[in-house]
Amino acid sequence: MKRRIGSPQVSPGPQYAFFELMQRHVLNQGDKSLAALSKESGWSRQTWHKALRGPQLPNRDLVRALVEHLFPEQDGADRRRRMVEEALDAWTEAVAERTFGLREEQPAPVPQVADPAVLRTVDEPEGEARRSARPANSFEAAMSQFRGSAAKRRANLPEEERFFNLLRNYYAGAGSPPMRWVEARMPEEFLVTRSTLNEWLNGRSLPSYTKRLEQVMKVMRQRVPITEQDLAADAAERAEIQQALTDAWRARPS
């Protein structure tokens, strides 16, 4: 009888969810023993055990390699890509928890006082919402939703902050399309939720799959198409964002 791996050796939360997901992948792919996984993959039993139970998180490249082993390409390239993406997303949340703590442990957001100038009274007729005096298409208006008090923002590393700023700049330059609008236009193989987009733009979570980020930026750009003369500049801007993402991941503790 196969010896069970046991529950993850971490408290409930994103790290626990990551290890639980890895164990579920093993279960769904034949529930092989650690000895069998080690023999067919070349990684030691101890490597597999730590990646499935913890308490230390494996590095990102190892997570990708282990999941790719569990889901060989010949069994379905699309499925394999989705499983890798799911595992890396869970790993990202786990690393964020280990680095910054649970979100409920972060300082409570400071309540924002609504601007009386844009409040609609009960006596006003229903209709088009009153616009702010600030120009709707201005950069400041587009960026205001991502700025708050220091208490509302997580302390990011300089490399992370550079990436988030570049992405927010691109988003604003693309016309600040609604999250729902972007989500609805994403290709099926690169699905992304409004919640994930919001996490990226608010500087709370780094994308873990560069091809998905590339598709997100291309969809954003559909909101405000550019001329042929600007295509090269747009591609260079996206490349800079991708490099900033790589730098941000390298800067994070392993």
C-alpha atoms as a PDB file:
ATOM      1  CA  MET A   1       0.000   0.000   0.000  1.00  0.00           C
ATOM      2  CA  LYS A   2       1.310   3.423  -0.946  1.00  0.00           C
ATOM      3  CA  ARG A   3       2.424   5.579   1.946  1.00  0.00           C
ATOM      4  CA  ARG A   4       0.496   8.848   2.021  1.00  0.00           C
ATOM      5  CA  ILE A   5       2.418  12.121   1.705  1.00  0.00           C
ATOM      6  CA  GLY A   6       0.482  13.811   4.474  1.00  0.00           C
ATOM      7  CA  SER A   7      -1.025  17.258   4.843  1.00  0.00           C
ATOM      8  CA  PRO A   8       1.061  20.320   3.922  1.00  0.00           C
ATOM      9  CA  GLN A   9       3.335  21.398   6.776  1.00  0.00           C
ATOM     10  CA  VAL A  10       2.134  25.001   6.739  1.00  0.00           C
ATOM     11  CA  SER A  11      -0.822  26.876   8.195  1.00  0.00           C
ATOM     12  CA  PRO A  12      -4.014  27.290   6.141  1.00  0.00           C
ATOM     13  CA  GLY A  13      -3.608  29.977   3.509  1.00  0.00           C
ATOM     14  CA  PRO A  14      -2.061  30.450   0.045  1.00  0.00           C
ATOM     15  CA  GLN A  15       1.008  28.326   0.853  1.00  0.00           C
ATOM     16  CA  TYR A  16      -1.196  25.476   2.081  1.00  0.00           C
ATOM     17  CA  ALA A  17      -3.343  25.832  -1.062  1.00  0.00           C
ATOM     18  CA  PHE A  18      -0.249  25.585  -3.272  1.00  0.00           C
ATOM     19  CA  PHE A  19       0.991  22.345  -1.696  1.00  0.00           C
ATOM     20  CA  GLU A  20      -2.534  20.945  -1.720  1.00  0.00           C
ATOM     21  CA  LEU A  21      -2.791  21.703  -5.439  1.00  0.00           C
ATOM     22  CA  MET A  22       0.516  19.952  -6.135  1.00  0.00           C
ATOM     23  CA  GLN A  23      -0.674  16.878  -4.224  1.00  0.00           C
ATOM     24  CA  ARG A  24      -3.936  16.931  -6.152  1.00  0.00           C
ATOM     25  CA  HIS A  25      -2.038  16.973  -9.448  1.00  0.00           C
ATOM     26  CA  VAL A  26      -0.125  13.854  -8.352  1.00  0.00           C
ATOM     27  CA  LEU A  27      -3.375  12.187  -7.287  1.00  0.00           C
ATOM     28  CA  ASN A  28      -5.111  12.984 -10.566  1.00  0.00           C
ATOM     29  CA  GLN A  29      -2.146  11.746 -12.611  1.00  0.00           C
ATOM     30  CA  GLY A  30      -2.085   8.192 -11.289  1.00  0.00           C
ATOM     31  CA  ASP A  31      -1.316   8.783  -7.599  1.00  0.00           C
ATOM     32  CA  LYS A  32       2.216   7.452  -8.014  1.00  0.00           C
ATOM     33  CA  SER A  33       4.511   6.939  -5.058  1.00  0.00           C
ATOM     34  CA  LEU A  34       7.451   9.216  -4.375  1.00  0.00           C
ATOM     35  CA  ALA A  35       9.768   6.381  -5.358  1.00  0.00           C
ATOM     36  CA  ALA A  36       8.036   6.000  -8.715  1.00  0.00           C
ATOM     37  CA  LEU A  37       8.033   9.740  -9.360  1.00  0.00           C
ATOM     38  CA  SER A  38      11.722   9.904  -8.493  1.00  0.00           C
ATOM     39  CA  LYS A  39      12.642   6.978 -10.731  1.00  0.00           C
ATOM     40  CA  GLU A  40      10.847   8.255 -13.816  1.00  0.00           C
ATOM     41  CA  SER A  41      11.689  11.967 -13.419  1.00  0.00           C
ATOM     42  CA  GLY A  42      15.258  11.950 -12.099  1.00  0.00           C
ATOM     43  CA  TRP A  43      14.459  14.191  -9.120  1.00  0.00           C
ATOM     44  CA  SER A  44      14.996  12.702  -5.697  1.00  0.00           C
ATOM     45  CA  ARG A  45      12.205  11.516  -3.431  1.00  0.00           C
ATOM     46  CA  GLN A  46      13.152  14.289  -1.032  1.00  0.00           C
ATOM     47  CA  THR A  47      12.728  16.909  -3.781  1.00  0.00           C
ATOM     48  CA  TRP A  48       9.270  15.620  -4.603  1.00  0.00           C
ATOM     49  CA  HIS A  49       8.303  15.361  -0.929  1.00  0.00           C
ATOM     50  CA  LYS A  50       9.321  18.947  -0.185  1.00  0.00           C
ATOM     51  CA  ALA A  51       7.552  20.247  -3.294  1.00  0.00           C
ATOM     52  CA  LEU A  52       4.361  18.440  -2.297  1.00  0.00           C
ATOM     53  CA  ARG A  53       4.324  19.059   1.438  1.00  0.00           C
ATOM     54  CA  GLY A  54       6.732  21.865   2.353  1.00  0.00           C
ATOM     55  CA  PRO A  55       7.286  23.639   4.561  1.00  0.00           C
ATOM     56  CA  GLN A  56       9.767  25.479   2.298  1.00  0.00           C
ATOM     57  CA  LEU A  57       8.470  26.581  -1.088  1.00  0.00           C
ATOM     58  CA  PRO A  58      10.268  25.202  -4.146  1.00  0.00           C
ATOM     59  CA  ASN A  59      11.614  27.713  -6.648  1.00  0.00           C
ATOM     60  CA  ARG A  60       9.536  28.705  -9.649  1.00  0.00           C
ATOM     61  CA  ASP A  61      11.537  26.773 -12.245  1.00  0.00           C
ATOM     62  CA  LEU A  62      11.235  23.556 -10.240  1.00  0.00           C
ATOM     63  CA  VAL A  63       7.468  23.976  -9.931  1.00  0.00           C
ATOM     64  CA  ARG A  64       7.175  24.354 -13.687  1.00  0.00           C
ATOM     65  CA  ALA A  65       9.394  21.322 -14.320  1.00  0.00           C
ATOM     66  CA  LEU A  66       7.538  19.070 -11.872  1.00  0.00           C
ATOM     67  CA  VAL A  67       4.114  19.974 -13.237  1.00  0.00           C
ATOM     68  CA  GLU A  68       5.328  19.520 -16.807  1.00  0.00           C
ATOM     69  CA  HIS A  69       6.514  16.059 -15.810  1.00  0.00           C
ATOM     70  CA  LEU A  70       3.127  15.209 -14.309  1.00  0.00           C
ATOM     71  CA  PHE A  71       1.346  16.424 -17.442  1.00  0.00           C
ATOM     72  CA  PRO A  72       3.421  15.290 -20.448  1.00  0.00           C
ATOM     73  CA  GLU A  73       2.879  17.214 -23.660  1.00  0.00           C
ATOM     74  CA  GLN A  74       1.795  14.143 -25.582  1.00  0.00           C
ATOM     75  CA  ASP A  75      -1.268  13.901 -23.323  1.00  0.00           C
ATOM     76  CA  GLY A  76      -2.399  17.378 -24.392  1.00  0.00           C
ATOM     77  CA  ALA A  77      -0.333  20.521 -24.828  1.00  0.00           C
ATOM     78  CA  ASP A  78      -3.209  22.856 -23.926  1.00  0.00           C
ATOM     79  CA  ARG A  79      -3.994  20.949 -20.754  1.00  0.00           C
ATOM     80  CA  ARG A  80      -0.334  20.911 -19.801  1.00  0.00           C
ATOM     81  CA  ARG A  81      -0.084  24.680 -20.280  1.00  0.00           C
ATOM     82  CA  ARG A  82      -3.186  25.278 -18.160  1.00  0.00           C
ATOM     83  CA  MET A  83      -1.903  23.069 -15.352  1.00  0.00           C
ATOM     84  CA  VAL A  84       1.474  24.820 -15.338  1.00  0.00           C
ATOM     85  CA  GLU A  85      -0.212  28.217 -15.288  1.00  0.00           C
ATOM     86  CA  GLU A  86      -2.510  27.167 -12.452  1.00  0.00           C
ATOM     87  CA  ALA A  87       0.424  25.896 -10.393  1.00  0.00           C
ATOM     88  CA  LEU A  88       2.502  29.027 -11.007  1.00  0.00           C
ATOM     89  CA  ASP A  89      -0.409  31.282 -10.082  1.00  0.00           C
ATOM     90  CA  ALA A  90      -0.818  29.364  -6.820  1.00  0.00           C
ATOM     91  CA  TRP A  91       2.939  29.539  -6.247  1.00  0.00           C
ATOM     92  CA  THR A  92       2.867  33.309  -6.788  1.00  0.00           C
ATOM     93  CA  GLU A  93       0.223  33.726  -4.102  1.00  0.00           C
ATOM     94  CA  ALA A  94       2.168  31.433  -1.791  1.00  0.00           C
ATOM     95  CA  VAL A  95       5.375  33.457  -2.219  1.00  0.00           C
ATOM     96  CA  ALA A  96       3.456  36.673  -1.614  1.00  0.00           C
ATOM     97  CA  GLU A  97       2.048  35.260   1.631  1.00  0.00           C
ATOM     98  CA  ARG A  98       5.467  34.115   2.805  1.00  0.00           C
ATOM     99  CA  THR A  99       7.062  37.451   1.897  1.00  0.00           C
ATOM    100  CA  PHE A 100       4.382  39.911   2.941  1.00  0.00           C
ATOM    101  CA  GLY A 101       2.031  37.900   5.169  1.00  0.00           C
ATOM    102  CA  LEU A 102      -1.672  37.317   4.734  1.00  0.00           C
ATOM    103  CA  ARG A 103      -3.572  40.256   3.327  1.00  0.00           C
ATOM    104  CA  GLU A 104      -5.746  40.509   6.421  1.00  0.00           C
ATOM    105  CA  GLU A 105      -2.538  41.095   8.359  1.00  0.00           C
ATOM    106  CA  GLN A 106      -1.730  44.158   6.240  1.00  0.00           C
ATOM    107  CA  PRO A 107      -2.754  47.617   7.495  1.00  0.00           C
ATOM    108  CA  ALA A 108      -6.444  48.245   7.077  1.00  0.00           C
ATOM    109  CA  PRO A 109      -7.383  50.494   4.150  1.00  0.00           C
ATOM    110  CA  VAL A 110      -8.077  54.093   5.028  1.00  0.00           C
ATOM    111  CA  PRO A 111     -11.727  54.923   4.258  1.00  0.00           C
ATOM    112  CA  GLN A 112     -12.025  57.282   1.323  1.00  0.00           C
ATOM    113  CA  VAL A 113     -14.355  60.222   1.673  1.00  0.00           C
ATOM    114  CA  ALA A 114     -16.552  60.635  -1.352  1.00  0.00           C
ATOM    115  CA  ASP A 115     -16.299  63.902  -3.239  1.00  0.00           C
ATOM    116  CA  PRO A 116     -19.531  65.811  -2.555  1.00  0.00           C
ATOM    117  CA  ALA A 117     -19.259  67.339  -6.022  1.00  0.00           C
ATOM    118  CA  VAL A 118     -19.968  64.003  -7.677  1.00  0.00           C
ATOM    119  CA  LEU A 119     -22.627  62.668  -5.301  1.00  0.00           C
ATOM    120  CA  ARG A 120     -26.128  62.264  -6.710  1.00  0.00           C
ATOM    121  CA  THR A 121     -28.942  63.199  -4.351  1.00  0.00           C
ATOM    122  CA  VAL A 122     -32.156  61.214  -4.051  1.00  0.00           C
ATOM    123  CA  ASP A 123     -34.011  64.046  -5.800  1.00  0.00           C
ATOM    124  CA  GLU A 124     -31.908  63.871  -8.944  1.00  0.00           C
ATOM    125  CA  PRO A 125     -33.477  61.990 -11.852  1.00  0.00           C
ATOM    126  CA  GLU A 126     -31.922  58.750 -12.996  1.00  0.00           C
ATOM    127  CA  GLY A 127     -29.759  59.108 -16.065  1.00  0.00           C
ATOM    128  CA  GLU A 128     -26.193  59.582 -17.110  1.00  0.00           C
ATOM    129  CA  ALA A 129     -23.891  59.753 -14.123  1.00  0.00           C
ATOM    130  CA  ARG A 130     -22.508  63.200 -13.347  1.00  0.00           C
ATOM    131  CA  ARG A 131     -18.923  63.500 -14.474  1.00  0.00           C
ATOM    132  CA  SER A 132     -16.063  64.688 -12.356  1.00  0.00           C
ATOM    133  CA  ALA A 133     -14.546  68.055 -13.176  1.00  0.00           C
ATOM    134  CA  ARG A 134     -11.328  66.225 -14.005  1.00  0.00           C
ATOM    135  CA  PRO A 135     -11.017  65.387 -17.725  1.00  0.00           C
ATOM    136  CA  ALA A 136     -12.167  61.808 -18.272  1.00  0.00           C
ATOM    137  CA  ASN A 137      -9.313  60.944 -20.603  1.00  0.00           C
ATOM    138  CA  SER A 138      -6.519  62.521 -18.607  1.00  0.00           C
ATOM    139  CA  PHE A 139      -3.653  60.401 -17.343  1.00  0.00           C
ATOM    140  CA  GLU A 140      -4.365  61.500 -13.775  1.00  0.00           C
ATOM    141  CA  ALA A 141      -7.974  60.372 -14.021  1.00  0.00           C
ATOM    142  CA  ALA A 142      -6.953  57.002 -15.379  1.00  0.00           C
ATOM    143  CA  MET A 143      -4.362  56.442 -12.674  1.00  0.00           C
ATOM    144  CA  SER A 144      -6.365  57.721  -9.710  1.00  0.00           C
ATOM    145  CA  GLN A 145      -8.007  54.355  -9.089  1.00  0.00           C
ATOM    146  CA  PHE A 146      -4.585  52.821  -8.391  1.00  0.00           C
ATOM    147  CA  ARG A 147      -3.384  55.475  -5.989  1.00  0.00           C
ATOM    148  CA  GLY A 148      -4.260  55.530  -2.340  1.00  0.00           C
ATOM    149  CA  SER A 149      -2.801  56.189   1.030  1.00  0.00           C
ATOM    150  CA  ALA A 150       0.382  54.435   2.102  1.00  0.00           C
ATOM    151  CA  ALA A 151      -1.702  52.230   4.374  1.00  0.00           C
ATOM    152  CA  LYS A 152      -3.538  50.810   1.382  1.00  0.00           C
ATOM    153  CA  ARG A 153      -0.449  49.846  -0.588  1.00  0.00           C
ATOM    154  CA  ARG A 154       1.695  46.803  -0.011  1.00  0.00           C
ATOM    155  CA  ALA A 155       5.417  47.477   0.286  1.00  0.00           C
ATOM    156  CA  ASN A 156       6.810  46.269  -3.031  1.00  0.00           C
ATOM    157  CA  LEU A 157      10.454  45.829  -3.921  1.00  0.00           C
ATOM    158  CA  PRO A 158      11.861  48.557  -6.231  1.00  0.00           C
ATOM    159  CA  GLU A 159      11.933  46.140  -9.172  1.00  0.00           C
ATOM    160  CA  GLU A 160       8.317  45.154  -8.522  1.00  0.00           C
ATOM    161  CA  GLU A 161       7.235  48.761  -8.246  1.00  0.00           C
ATOM    162  CA  ARG A 162       8.904  49.580 -11.558  1.00  0.00           C
ATOM    163  CA  PHE A 163       6.999  46.772 -13.270  1.00  0.00           C
ATOM    164  CA  PHE A 164       3.662  47.800 -11.763  1.00  0.00           C
ATOM    165  CA  ASN A 165       4.220  51.440 -12.757  1.00  0.00           C
ATOM    166  CA  LEU A 166       5.107  50.497 -16.325  1.00  0.00           C
ATOM    167  CA  LEU A 167       2.032  48.275 -16.618  1.00  0.00           C
ATOM    168  CA  ARG A 168      -0.245  50.959 -15.197  1.00  0.00           C
ATOM    169  CA  ASN A 169       1.229  53.497 -17.620  1.00  0.00           C
ATOM    170  CA  TYR A 170       0.533  51.146 -20.511  1.00  0.00           C
ATOM    171  CA  TYR A 171      -3.006  50.560 -19.274  1.00  0.00           C
ATOM    172  CA  ALA A 172      -3.651  54.308 -19.072  1.00  0.00           C
ATOM    173  CA  GLY A 173      -2.127  54.865 -22.512  1.00  0.00           C
ATOM    174  CA  ALA A 174      -4.431  52.175 -23.901  1.00  0.00           C
ATOM    175  CA  GLY A 175      -7.480  54.129 -22.768  1.00  0.00           C
ATOM    176  CA  SER A 176      -7.999  52.461 -19.370  1.00  0.00           C
ATOM    177  CA  PRO A 177     -10.350  49.762 -20.722  1.00  0.00           C
ATOM    178  CA  PRO A 178     -12.744  48.273 -18.143  1.00  0.00           C
ATOM    179  CA  MET A 179     -11.572  44.999 -16.584  1.00  0.00           C
ATOM    180  CA  ARG A 180     -14.731  43.257 -17.803  1.00  0.00           C
ATOM    181  CA  TRP A 181     -14.020  44.481 -21.345  1.00  0.00           C
ATOM    182  CA  VAL A 182     -10.489  43.039 -21.267  1.00  0.00           C
ATOM    183  CA  GLU A 183     -11.617  39.756 -19.720  1.00  0.00           C
ATOM    184  CA  ALA A 184     -14.289  39.224 -22.379  1.00  0.00           C
ATOM    185  CA  ARG A 185     -11.774  39.644 -25.218  1.00  0.00           C
ATOM    186  CA  MET A 186      -9.002  37.382 -23.964  1.00  0.00           C
ATOM    187  CA  PRO A 187      -8.276  34.297 -26.116  1.00  0.00           C
ATOM    188  CA  GLU A 188      -9.526  31.054 -24.601  1.00  0.00           C
ATOM    189  CA  GLU A 189      -6.017  29.707 -24.087  1.00  0.00           C
ATOM    190  CA  PHE A 190      -5.034  32.840 -22.128  1.00  0.00           C
ATOM    191  CA  LEU A 191      -8.065  33.405 -19.935  1.00  0.00           C
ATOM    192  CA  VAL A 192      -7.662  35.976 -17.186  1.00  0.00           C
ATOM    193  CA  THR A 193     -10.222  37.162 -14.664  1.00  0.00           C
ATOM    194  CA  ARG A 194     -11.126  40.713 -13.682  1.00  0.00           C
ATOM    195  CA  SER A 195      -9.861  39.903 -10.195  1.00  0.00           C
ATOM    196  CA  THR A 196      -6.429  38.936 -11.539  1.00  0.00           C
ATOM    197  CA  LEU A 197      -6.225  42.074 -13.674  1.00  0.00           C
ATOM    198  CA  ASN A 198      -7.136  44.171 -10.673  1.00  0.00           C
ATOM    199  CA  GLU A 199      -4.399  42.485  -8.614  1.00  0.00           C
ATOM    200  CA  TRP A 200      -1.812  43.280 -11.286  1.00  0.00           C
ATOM    201  CA  LEU A 201      -2.815  46.899 -11.743  1.00  0.00           C
ATOM    202  CA  ASN A 202      -3.059  47.543  -8.023  1.00  0.00           C
ATOM    203  CA  GLY A 203       0.434  46.170  -7.437  1.00  0.00           C
ATOM    204  CA  ARG A 204      -0.640  43.207  -5.332  1.00  0.00           C
ATOM    205  CA  SER A 205       0.347  40.284  -7.556  1.00  0.00           C
ATOM    206  CA  LEU A 206       2.965  39.700 -10.246  1.00  0.00           C
ATOM    207  CA  PRO A 207       1.907  37.874 -13.422  1.00  0.00           C
ATOM    208  CA  SER A 208       3.509  34.457 -13.560  1.00  0.00           C
ATOM    209  CA  TYR A 209       2.945  33.629 -17.230  1.00  0.00           C
ATOM    210  CA  THR A 210       4.555  36.100 -19.633  1.00  0.00           C
ATOM    211  CA  LYS A 211       2.557  35.007 -22.680  1.00  0.00           C
ATOM    212  CA  ARG A 212      -0.675  35.726 -20.849  1.00  0.00           C
ATOM    213  CA  LEU A 213       0.575  39.202 -19.895  1.00  0.00           C
ATOM    214  CA  GLU A 214       1.492  39.811 -23.540  1.00  0.00           C
ATOM    215  CA  GLN A 215      -2.037  38.905 -24.618  1.00  0.00           C
ATOM    216  CA  VAL A 216      -3.516  41.146 -21.931  1.00  0.00           C
ATOM    217  CA  MET A 217      -1.539  44.127 -23.238  1.00  0.00           C
ATOM    218  CA  LYS A 218      -2.560  43.381 -26.825  1.00  0.00           C
ATOM    219  CA  VAL A 219      -6.221  43.257 -25.794  1.00  0.00           C
ATOM    220  CA  MET A 220      -5.846  46.512 -23.836  1.00  0.00           C
ATOM    221  CA  ARG A 221      -4.435  48.174 -26.953  1.00  0.00           C
ATOM    222  CA  GLN A 222      -7.555  47.207 -28.921  1.00  0.00           C
ATOM    223  CA  ARG A 223      -9.428  49.820 -26.923  1.00  0.00           C
ATOM    224  CA  VAL A 224      -7.391  52.638 -28.471  1.00  0.00           C
ATOM    225  CA  PRO A 225      -5.816  51.337 -31.698  1.00  0.00           C
ATOM    226  CA  ILE A 226      -2.523  52.848 -32.768  1.00  0.00           C
ATOM    227  CA  THR A 227      -1.210  53.825 -36.172  1.00  0.00           C
ATOM    228  CA  GLU A 228       1.298  51.778 -38.135  1.00  0.00           C
ATOM    229  CA  GLN A 229       3.937  54.377 -37.365  1.00  0.00           C
ATOM    230  CA  ASP A 230       3.509  53.689 -33.636  1.00  0.00           C
ATOM    231  CA  LEU A 231       3.634  49.880 -33.835  1.00  0.00           C
ATOM    232  CA  ALA A 232       7.383  49.698 -33.220  1.00  0.00           C
ATOM    233  CA  ALA A 233       7.162  52.001 -30.194  1.00  0.00           C
ATOM    234  CA  ASP A 234       4.275  49.986 -28.784  1.00  0.00           C
ATOM    235  CA  ALA A 235       6.201  46.719 -29.206  1.00  0.00           C
ATOM    236  CA  ALA A 236       9.230  48.265 -27.493  1.00  0.00           C
ATOM    237  CA  GLU A 237       7.037  49.402 -24.596  1.00  0.00           C
ATOM    238  CA  ARG A 238       5.614  45.900 -24.159  1.00  0.00           C
ATOM    239  CA  ALA A 239       9.127  44.414 -24.296  1.00  0.00           C
ATOM    240  CA  GLU A 240      10.246  46.826 -21.578  1.00  0.00           C
ATOM    241  CA  ILE A 241       7.332  45.714 -19.403  1.00  0.00           C
ATOM    242  CA  GLN A 242       8.187  42.053 -19.936  1.00  0.00           C
ATOM    243  CA  GLN A 243      11.817  42.688 -18.986  1.00  0.00           C
ATOM    244  CA  ALA A 244      10.675  44.568 -15.895  1.00  0.00           C
ATOM    245  CA  LEU A 245       8.563  41.551 -14.934  1.00  0.00           C
ATOM    246  CA  THR A 246      11.589  39.278 -15.252  1.00  0.00           C
ATOM    247  CA  ASP A 247      13.636  41.662 -13.111  1.00  0.00           C
ATOM    248  CA  ALA A 248      10.867  41.768 -10.512  1.00  0.00           C
ATOM    249  CA  TRP A 249      10.772  37.988 -10.194  1.00  0.00           C
ATOM    250  CA  ARG A 250      14.567  37.776  -9.926  1.00  0.00           C
ATOM    251  CA  ALA A 251      14.527  40.361  -7.154  1.00  0.00           C
ATOM    252  CA  ARG A 252      12.099  38.376  -5.033  1.00  0.00           C
ATOM    253  CA  PRO A 253      13.538  36.044  -2.378  1.00  0.00           C
ATOM    254  CA  SER A 254      13.868  32.485  -3.686  1.00  0.00           C
END
